[in-house]
Structures are given as structure tokens and as C-alpha cells.
Amino acid sequence: HARAAAKCVGVAGRYPCQVRVGRNPESCVDGKSIMAVMMLAAGKGTNLHLHTEGEQEDEALNALVELINNRFDEGE
């Protein structure tokens, strides 16, 4: 799932706010770190928790949700 992780980190990196992603709110990692996101080992069907804070936080969250809802632009 390296491609999906890279796309997630790429979108997160476009925004100046802090981005955190995890399997649950307590285990969130830096959403701008490819290694941290890959270590989540979040395969297809995994529920993810997203948290953004700071400048452009709403835009970042919306962009990440769109990416996920579009299945990382990889189809099924």
C-alpha cells in the first residue's frame, strides 16, 4: 500500500497545518511522514481517523477525505 500512503502524504504536504492519521484517535501519527503512514499498515477496508489542526485545516481534511473516498484514485 505504498502508493496509497504516498498519495496521502502528498496531499497532506500541500497544506501548512498539522495532519494526523491513525487507526484510532489515540494512535494517530504524522500524516506528512511516509514512513509513519506506511507503518499504520492500513489495508483496504481499514477505518481511518483524520485530524487536522492549523492554517487551512478544513481544506486539508476535505482533500484527504476526497482522496480516501475516491479509493486513492486506484479504482477497486
PDB file of N, CA and C in Angstrom:
ATOM      1  N   HIS A   1       0.813  -1.196   0.000  1.00  0.00           N
ATOM      2  CA  HIS A   1       0.000   0.000   0.000  1.00  0.00           C
ATOM      3  C   HIS A   1       0.855   1.257   0.000  1.00  0.00           C
ATOM      4  N   ALA A   2       2.050   1.127  -0.518  1.00  0.00           N
ATOM      5  CA  ALA A   2       2.967   2.266  -0.550  1.00  0.00           C
ATOM      6  C   ALA A   2       2.435   3.394  -1.424  1.00  0.00           C
ATOM      7  N   ARG A   3       1.783   3.043  -2.534  1.00  0.00           N
ATOM      8  CA  ARG A   3       1.251   4.086  -3.418  1.00  0.00           C
ATOM      9  C   ARG A   3       0.184   4.908  -2.716  1.00  0.00           C
ATOM     10  N   ALA A   4      -0.732   4.233  -2.032  1.00  0.00           N
ATOM     11  CA  ALA A   4      -1.794   4.945  -1.315  1.00  0.00           C
ATOM     12  C   ALA A   4      -1.207   5.817  -0.213  1.00  0.00           C
ATOM     13  N   ALA A   5      -0.229   5.298   0.508  1.00  0.00           N
ATOM     14  CA  ALA A   5       0.418   6.077   1.571  1.00  0.00           C
ATOM     15  C   ALA A   5       1.106   7.300   0.978  1.00  0.00           C
ATOM     16  N   ALA A   6       1.780   7.122  -0.146  1.00  0.00           N
ATOM     17  CA  ALA A   6       2.467   8.238  -0.794  1.00  0.00           C
ATOM     18  C   ALA A   6       1.476   9.299  -1.257  1.00  0.00           C
ATOM     19  N   LYS A   7       0.334   8.873  -1.777  1.00  0.00           N
ATOM     20  CA  LYS A   7      -0.683   9.835  -2.205  1.00  0.00           C
ATOM     21  C   LYS A   7      -1.239  10.597  -1.012  1.00  0.00           C
ATOM     22  N   CYS A   8      -1.482   9.900   0.075  1.00  0.00           N
ATOM     23  CA  CYS A   8      -1.985  10.529   1.296  1.00  0.00           C
ATOM     24  C   CYS A   8      -0.997  11.574   1.806  1.00  0.00           C
ATOM     25  N   VAL A   9       0.262  11.207   1.890  1.00  0.00           N
ATOM     26  CA  VAL A   9       1.309  12.117   2.356  1.00  0.00           C
ATOM     27  C   VAL A   9       1.460  13.291   1.388  1.00  0.00           C
ATOM     28  N   GLY A  10       1.333  13.019   0.107  1.00  0.00           N
ATOM     29  CA  GLY A  10       1.433  14.086  -0.886  1.00  0.00           C
ATOM     30  C   GLY A  10       0.340  15.123  -0.725  1.00  0.00           C
ATOM     31  N   VAL A  11      -0.886  14.665  -0.503  1.00  0.00           N
ATOM     32  CA  VAL A  11      -1.998  15.595  -0.281  1.00  0.00           C
ATOM     33  C   VAL A  11      -1.783  16.356   1.024  1.00  0.00           C
ATOM     34  N   ALA A  12      -1.426  15.655   2.080  1.00  0.00           N
ATOM     35  CA  ALA A  12      -1.206  16.296   3.382  1.00  0.00           C
ATOM     36  C   ALA A  12      -0.117  17.361   3.290  1.00  0.00           C
ATOM     37  N   GLY A  13       0.909  17.095   2.508  1.00  0.00           N
ATOM     38  CA  GLY A  13       2.032  18.012   2.385  1.00  0.00           C
ATOM     39  C   GLY A  13       1.720  19.306   1.663  1.00  0.00           C
ATOM     40  N   ARG A  14       0.579  19.363   1.007  1.00  0.00           N
ATOM     41  CA  ARG A  14       0.190  20.588   0.302  1.00  0.00           C
ATOM     42  C   ARG A  14      -0.330  21.672   1.239  1.00  0.00           C
ATOM     43  N   TYR A  15      -0.562  21.301   2.490  1.00  0.00           N
ATOM     44  CA  TYR A  15      -1.185  22.223   3.437  1.00  0.00           C
ATOM     45  C   TYR A  15      -0.248  22.497   4.612  1.00  0.00           C
ATOM     46  N   PRO A  16      -0.277  23.736   5.129  1.00  0.00           N
ATOM     47  CA  PRO A  16       0.633  24.092   6.217  1.00  0.00           C
ATOM     48  C   PRO A  16       0.218  23.553   7.588  1.00  0.00           C
ATOM     49  N   CYS A  17      -0.997  23.081   7.725  1.00  0.00           N
ATOM     50  CA  CYS A  17      -1.488  22.613   9.022  1.00  0.00           C
ATOM     51  C   CYS A  17      -0.876  21.265   9.409  1.00  0.00           C
ATOM     52  N   GLN A  18      -1.048  20.935  10.673  1.00  0.00           N
ATOM     53  CA  GLN A  18      -0.636  19.615  11.152  1.00  0.00           C
ATOM     54  C   GLN A  18      -1.680  18.602  10.677  1.00  0.00           C
ATOM     55  N   VAL A  19      -1.233  17.459  10.205  1.00  0.00           N
ATOM     56  CA  VAL A  19      -2.126  16.385   9.767  1.00  0.00           C
ATOM     57  C   VAL A  19      -1.751  15.130  10.533  1.00  0.00           C
ATOM     58  N   ARG A  20      -2.751  14.512  11.156  1.00  0.00           N
ATOM     59  CA  ARG A  20      -2.529  13.273  11.900  1.00  0.00           C
ATOM     60  C   ARG A  20      -3.508  12.235  11.368  1.00  0.00           C
ATOM     61  N   VAL A  21      -3.047  11.004  11.246  1.00  0.00           N
ATOM     62  CA  VAL A  21      -3.875   9.914  10.742  1.00  0.00           C
ATOM     63  C   VAL A  21      -3.577   8.662  11.555  1.00  0.00           C
ATOM     64  N   GLY A  22      -4.621   7.854  11.787  1.00  0.00           N
ATOM     65  CA  GLY A  22      -4.410   6.634  12.555  1.00  0.00           C
ATOM     66  C   GLY A  22      -5.595   5.698  12.490  1.00  0.00           C
ATOM     67  N   ARG A  23      -5.412   4.522  13.053  1.00  0.00           N
ATOM     68  CA  ARG A  23      -6.486   3.529  13.118  1.00  0.00           C
ATOM     69  C   ARG A  23      -7.516   3.900  14.183  1.00  0.00           C
ATOM     70  N   ASN A  24      -7.090   4.685  15.172  1.00  0.00           N
ATOM     71  CA  ASN A  24      -7.996   5.212  16.193  1.00  0.00           C
ATOM     72  C   ASN A  24      -7.405   6.539  16.667  1.00  0.00           C
ATOM     73  N   PRO A  25      -8.202   7.350  17.353  1.00  0.00           N
ATOM     74  CA  PRO A  25      -7.718   8.682  17.739  1.00  0.00           C
ATOM     75  C   PRO A  25      -6.462   8.661  18.605  1.00  0.00           C
ATOM     76  N   GLU A  26      -6.262   7.613  19.377  1.00  0.00           N
ATOM     77  CA  GLU A  26      -5.110   7.539  20.274  1.00  0.00           C
ATOM     78  C   GLU A  26      -3.816   7.138  19.565  1.00  0.00           C
ATOM     79  N   SER A  27      -3.925   6.556  18.385  1.00  0.00           N
ATOM     80  CA  SER A  27      -2.727   6.047  17.709  1.00  0.00           C
ATOM     81  C   SER A  27      -2.358   6.851  16.464  1.00  0.00           C
ATOM     82  N   CYS A  28      -2.793   8.086  16.397  1.00  0.00           N
ATOM     83  CA  CYS A  28      -2.528   8.886  15.204  1.00  0.00           C
ATOM     84  C   CYS A  28      -1.044   9.226  15.077  1.00  0.00           C
ATOM     85  N   VAL A  29      -0.590   9.225  13.828  1.00  0.00           N
ATOM     86  CA  VAL A  29       0.806   9.530  13.509  1.00  0.00           C
ATOM     87  C   VAL A  29       0.848  10.740  12.579  1.00  0.00           C
ATOM     88  N   ASP A  30       2.033  11.238  12.337  1.00  0.00           N
ATOM     89  CA  ASP A  30       2.237  12.373  11.444  1.00  0.00           C
ATOM     90  C   ASP A  30       1.819  11.996  10.024  1.00  0.00           C
ATOM     91  N   GLY A  31       0.769  12.628   9.536  1.00  0.00           N
ATOM     92  CA  GLY A  31       0.254  12.336   8.205  1.00  0.00           C
ATOM     93  C   GLY A  31       1.116  12.852   7.076  1.00  0.00           C
ATOM     94  N   LYS A  32       2.202  13.543   7.402  1.00  0.00           N
ATOM     95  CA  LYS A  32       3.124  14.037   6.379  1.00  0.00           C
ATOM     96  C   LYS A  32       4.392  13.192   6.308  1.00  0.00           C
ATOM     97  N   SER A  33       4.435  12.129   7.098  1.00  0.00           N
ATOM     98  CA  SER A  33       5.595  11.234   7.133  1.00  0.00           C
ATOM     99  C   SER A  33       5.253   9.925   6.428  1.00  0.00           C
ATOM    100  N   ILE A  34       5.898   9.661   5.309  1.00  0.00           N
ATOM    101  CA  ILE A  34       5.604   8.444   4.549  1.00  0.00           C
ATOM    102  C   ILE A  34       5.852   7.198   5.387  1.00  0.00           C
ATOM    103  N   MET A  35       6.920   7.188   6.159  1.00  0.00           N
ATOM    104  CA  MET A  35       7.217   6.006   6.977  1.00  0.00           C
ATOM    105  C   MET A  35       6.157   5.798   8.055  1.00  0.00           C
ATOM    106  N   ALA A  36       5.736   6.875   8.704  1.00  0.00           N
ATOM    107  CA  ALA A  36       4.726   6.761   9.756  1.00  0.00           C
ATOM    108  C   ALA A  36       3.404   6.258   9.185  1.00  0.00           C
ATOM    109  N   VAL A  37       3.003   6.788   8.039  1.00  0.00           N
ATOM    110  CA  VAL A  37       1.738   6.371   7.425  1.00  0.00           C
ATOM    111  C   VAL A  37       1.829   4.916   6.970  1.00  0.00           C
ATOM    112  N   MET A  38       2.956   4.519   6.395  1.00  0.00           N
ATOM    113  CA  MET A  38       3.104   3.124   5.966  1.00  0.00           C
ATOM    114  C   MET A  38       3.084   2.166   7.158  1.00  0.00           C
ATOM    115  N   MET A  39       3.634   2.594   8.293  1.00  0.00           N
ATOM    116  CA  MET A  39       3.669   1.734   9.480  1.00  0.00           C
ATOM    117  C   MET A  39       2.280   1.487  10.060  1.00  0.00           C
ATOM    118  N   LEU A  40       1.288   2.270   9.657  1.00  0.00           N
ATOM    119  CA  LEU A  40      -0.081   2.011  10.102  1.00  0.00           C
ATOM    120  C   LEU A  40      -0.592   0.690   9.533  1.00  0.00           C
ATOM    121  N   ALA A  41      -0.011   0.253   8.427  1.00  0.00           N
ATOM    122  CA  ALA A  41      -0.430  -0.979   7.752  1.00  0.00           C
ATOM    123  C   ALA A  41      -1.941  -1.001   7.580  1.00  0.00           C
ATOM    124  N   ALA A  42      -2.472   0.103   7.105  1.00  0.00           N
ATOM    125  CA  ALA A  42      -3.914   0.253   6.927  1.00  0.00           C
ATOM    126  C   ALA A  42      -4.313  -0.249   5.549  1.00  0.00           C
ATOM    127  N   GLY A  43      -4.722  -1.492   5.485  1.00  0.00           N
ATOM    128  CA  GLY A  43      -5.128  -2.093   4.226  1.00  0.00           C
ATOM    129  C   GLY A  43      -6.526  -1.682   3.819  1.00  0.00           C
ATOM    130  N   LYS A  44      -6.955  -2.175   2.687  1.00  0.00           N
ATOM    131  CA  LYS A  44      -8.282  -1.880   2.159  1.00  0.00           C
ATOM    132  C   LYS A  44      -9.336  -2.228   3.205  1.00  0.00           C
ATOM    133  N   GLY A  45     -10.258  -1.305   3.419  1.00  0.00           N
ATOM    134  CA  GLY A  45     -11.340  -1.526   4.369  1.00  0.00           C
ATOM    135  C   GLY A  45     -11.051  -1.057   5.784  1.00  0.00           C
ATOM    136  N   THR A  46      -9.832  -0.606   6.041  1.00  0.00           N
ATOM    137  CA  THR A  46      -9.470  -0.116   7.372  1.00  0.00           C
ATOM    138  C   THR A  46     -10.114   1.246   7.610  1.00  0.00           C
ATOM    139  N   ASN A  47     -10.745   1.416   8.759  1.00  0.00           N
ATOM    140  CA  ASN A  47     -11.269   2.728   9.138  1.00  0.00           C
ATOM    141  C   ASN A  47     -10.112   3.594   9.606  1.00  0.00           C
ATOM    142  N   LEU A  48     -10.065   4.808   9.103  1.00  0.00           N
ATOM    143  CA  LEU A  48      -9.003   5.738   9.481  1.00  0.00           C
ATOM    144  C   LEU A  48      -9.583   6.945  10.202  1.00  0.00           C
ATOM    145  N   HIS A  49      -8.832   7.444  11.145  1.00  0.00           N
ATOM    146  CA  HIS A  49      -9.182   8.674  11.846  1.00  0.00           C
ATOM    147  C   HIS A  49      -8.235   9.754  11.352  1.00  0.00           C
ATOM    148  N   LEU A  50      -8.796  10.882  10.964  1.00  0.00           N
ATOM    149  CA  LEU A  50      -8.015  12.003  10.462  1.00  0.00           C
ATOM    150  C   LEU A  50      -8.199  13.197  11.382  1.00  0.00           C
ATOM    151  N   HIS A  51      -7.122  13.916  11.620  1.00  0.00           N
ATOM    152  CA  HIS A  51      -7.190  15.134  12.425  1.00  0.00           C
ATOM    153  C   HIS A  51      -6.274  16.171  11.793  1.00  0.00           C
ATOM    154  N   THR A  52      -6.823  17.340  11.550  1.00  0.00           N
ATOM    155  CA  THR A  52      -6.025  18.440  11.025  1.00  0.00           C
ATOM    156  C   THR A  52      -6.148  19.616  11.984  1.00  0.00           C
ATOM    157  N   GLU A  53      -5.064  20.348  12.128  1.00  0.00           N
ATOM    158  CA  GLU A  53      -5.085  21.499  13.035  1.00  0.00           C
ATOM    159  C   GLU A  53      -4.148  22.575  12.522  1.00  0.00           C
ATOM    160  N   GLY A  54      -4.682  23.782  12.411  1.00  0.00           N
ATOM    161  CA  GLY A  54      -3.865  24.906  11.979  1.00  0.00           C
ATOM    162  C   GLY A  54      -4.400  25.538  10.710  1.00  0.00           C
ATOM    163  N   GLU A  55      -3.528  26.312  10.074  1.00  0.00           N
ATOM    164  CA  GLU A  55      -3.891  27.030   8.858  1.00  0.00           C
ATOM    165  C   GLU A  55      -4.330  26.058   7.762  1.00  0.00           C
ATOM    166  N   GLN A  56      -5.469  26.320   7.161  1.00  0.00           N
ATOM    167  CA  GLN A  56      -6.068  25.518   6.081  1.00  0.00           C
ATOM    168  C   GLN A  56      -6.447  24.105   6.537  1.00  0.00           C
ATOM    169  N   GLU A  57      -6.779  23.943   7.818  1.00  0.00           N
ATOM    170  CA  GLU A  57      -7.128  22.615   8.327  1.00  0.00           C
ATOM    171  C   GLU A  57      -8.362  22.042   7.644  1.00  0.00           C
ATOM    172  N   ASP A  58      -9.370  22.869   7.389  1.00  0.00           N
ATOM    173  CA  ASP A  58     -10.581  22.360   6.746  1.00  0.00           C
ATOM    174  C   ASP A  58     -10.309  21.906   5.318  1.00  0.00           C
ATOM    175  N   GLU A  59      -9.521  22.693   4.595  1.00  0.00           N
ATOM    176  CA  GLU A  59      -9.192  22.331   3.216  1.00  0.00           C
ATOM    177  C   GLU A  59      -8.406  21.022   3.171  1.00  0.00           C
ATOM    178  N   ALA A  60      -7.464  20.869   4.088  1.00  0.00           N
ATOM    179  CA  ALA A  60      -6.657  19.646   4.134  1.00  0.00           C
ATOM    180  C   ALA A  60      -7.528  18.439   4.443  1.00  0.00           C
ATOM    181  N   LEU A  61      -8.399  18.571   5.428  1.00  0.00           N
ATOM    182  CA  LEU A  61      -9.277  17.458   5.798  1.00  0.00           C
ATOM    183  C   LEU A  61     -10.175  17.074   4.634  1.00  0.00           C
ATOM    184  N   ASN A  62     -10.761  18.066   3.976  1.00  0.00           N
ATOM    185  CA  ASN A  62     -11.631  17.782   2.833  1.00  0.00           C
ATOM    186  C   ASN A  62     -10.873  17.087   1.708  1.00  0.00           C
ATOM    187  N   ALA A  63      -9.657  17.516   1.433  1.00  0.00           N
ATOM    188  CA  ALA A  63      -8.856  16.905   0.368  1.00  0.00           C
ATOM    189  C   ALA A  63      -8.510  15.457   0.702  1.00  0.00           C
ATOM    190  N   LEU A  64      -8.187  15.181   1.955  1.00  0.00           N
ATOM    191  CA  LEU A  64      -7.855  13.809   2.367  1.00  0.00           C
ATOM    192  C   LEU A  64      -9.081  12.907   2.315  1.00  0.00           C
ATOM    193  N   VAL A  65     -10.220  13.418   2.770  1.00  0.00           N
ATOM    194  CA  VAL A  65     -11.457  12.630   2.719  1.00  0.00           C
ATOM    195  C   VAL A  65     -11.815  12.320   1.270  1.00  0.00           C
ATOM    196  N   GLU A  66     -11.668  13.301   0.387  1.00  0.00           N
ATOM    197  CA  GLU A  66     -11.948  13.079  -1.030  1.00  0.00           C
ATOM    198  C   GLU A  66     -11.021  12.010  -1.608  1.00  0.00           C
ATOM    199  N   LEU A  67      -9.737  12.077  -1.280  1.00  0.00           N
ATOM    200  CA  LEU A  67      -8.775  11.083  -1.760  1.00  0.00           C
ATOM    201  C   LEU A  67      -9.174   9.679  -1.302  1.00  0.00           C
ATOM    202  N   ILE A  68      -9.525   9.554  -0.034  1.00  0.00           N
ATOM    203  CA  ILE A  68      -9.914   8.250   0.513  1.00  0.00           C
ATOM    204  C   ILE A  68     -11.208   7.765  -0.125  1.00  0.00           C
ATOM    205  N   ASN A  69     -12.191   8.651  -0.233  1.00  0.00           N
ATOM    206  CA  ASN A  69     -13.471   8.256  -0.829  1.00  0.00           C
ATOM    207  C   ASN A  69     -13.323   7.862  -2.291  1.00  0.00           C
ATOM    208  N   ASN A  70     -12.314   8.413  -2.962  1.00  0.00           N
ATOM    209  CA  ASN A  70     -12.034   8.052  -4.361  1.00  0.00           C
ATOM    210  C   ASN A  70     -11.082   6.869  -4.460  1.00  0.00           C
ATOM    211  N   ARG A  71     -10.904   6.161  -3.350  1.00  0.00           N
ATOM    212  CA  ARG A  71     -10.046   4.981  -3.292  1.00  0.00           C
ATOM    213  C   ARG A  71      -8.631   5.282  -3.792  1.00  0.00           C
ATOM    214  N   PHE A  72      -8.128   6.448  -3.414  1.00  0.00           N
ATOM    215  CA  PHE A  72      -6.764   6.869  -3.754  1.00  0.00           C
ATOM    216  C   PHE A  72      -6.542   6.896  -5.264  1.00  0.00           C
ATOM    217  N   ASP A  73      -7.637   7.106  -5.999  1.00  0.00           N
ATOM    218  CA  ASP A  73      -7.602   7.171  -7.466  1.00  0.00           C
ATOM    219  C   ASP A  73      -7.041   5.894  -8.087  1.00  0.00           C
ATOM    220  N   GLU A  74      -7.210   4.774  -7.382  1.00  0.00           N
ATOM    221  CA  GLU A  74      -6.699   3.497  -7.887  1.00  0.00           C
ATOM    222  C   GLU A  74      -7.815   2.537  -8.283  1.00  0.00           C
ATOM    223  N   GLY A  75      -9.070   2.970  -8.219  1.00  0.00           N
ATOM    224  CA  GLY A  75     -10.173   2.077  -8.546  1.00  0.00           C
ATOM    225  C   GLY A  75     -10.354   1.048  -7.456  1.00  0.00           C
ATOM    226  N   GLU A  76     -10.995  -0.035  -7.793  1.00  0.00           N
ATOM    227  CA  GLU A  76     -11.292  -1.085  -6.801  1.00  0.00           C
ATOM    228  C   GLU A  76     -10.073  -1.886  -6.507  1.00  0.00           C
TER     229      GLU A  76
END
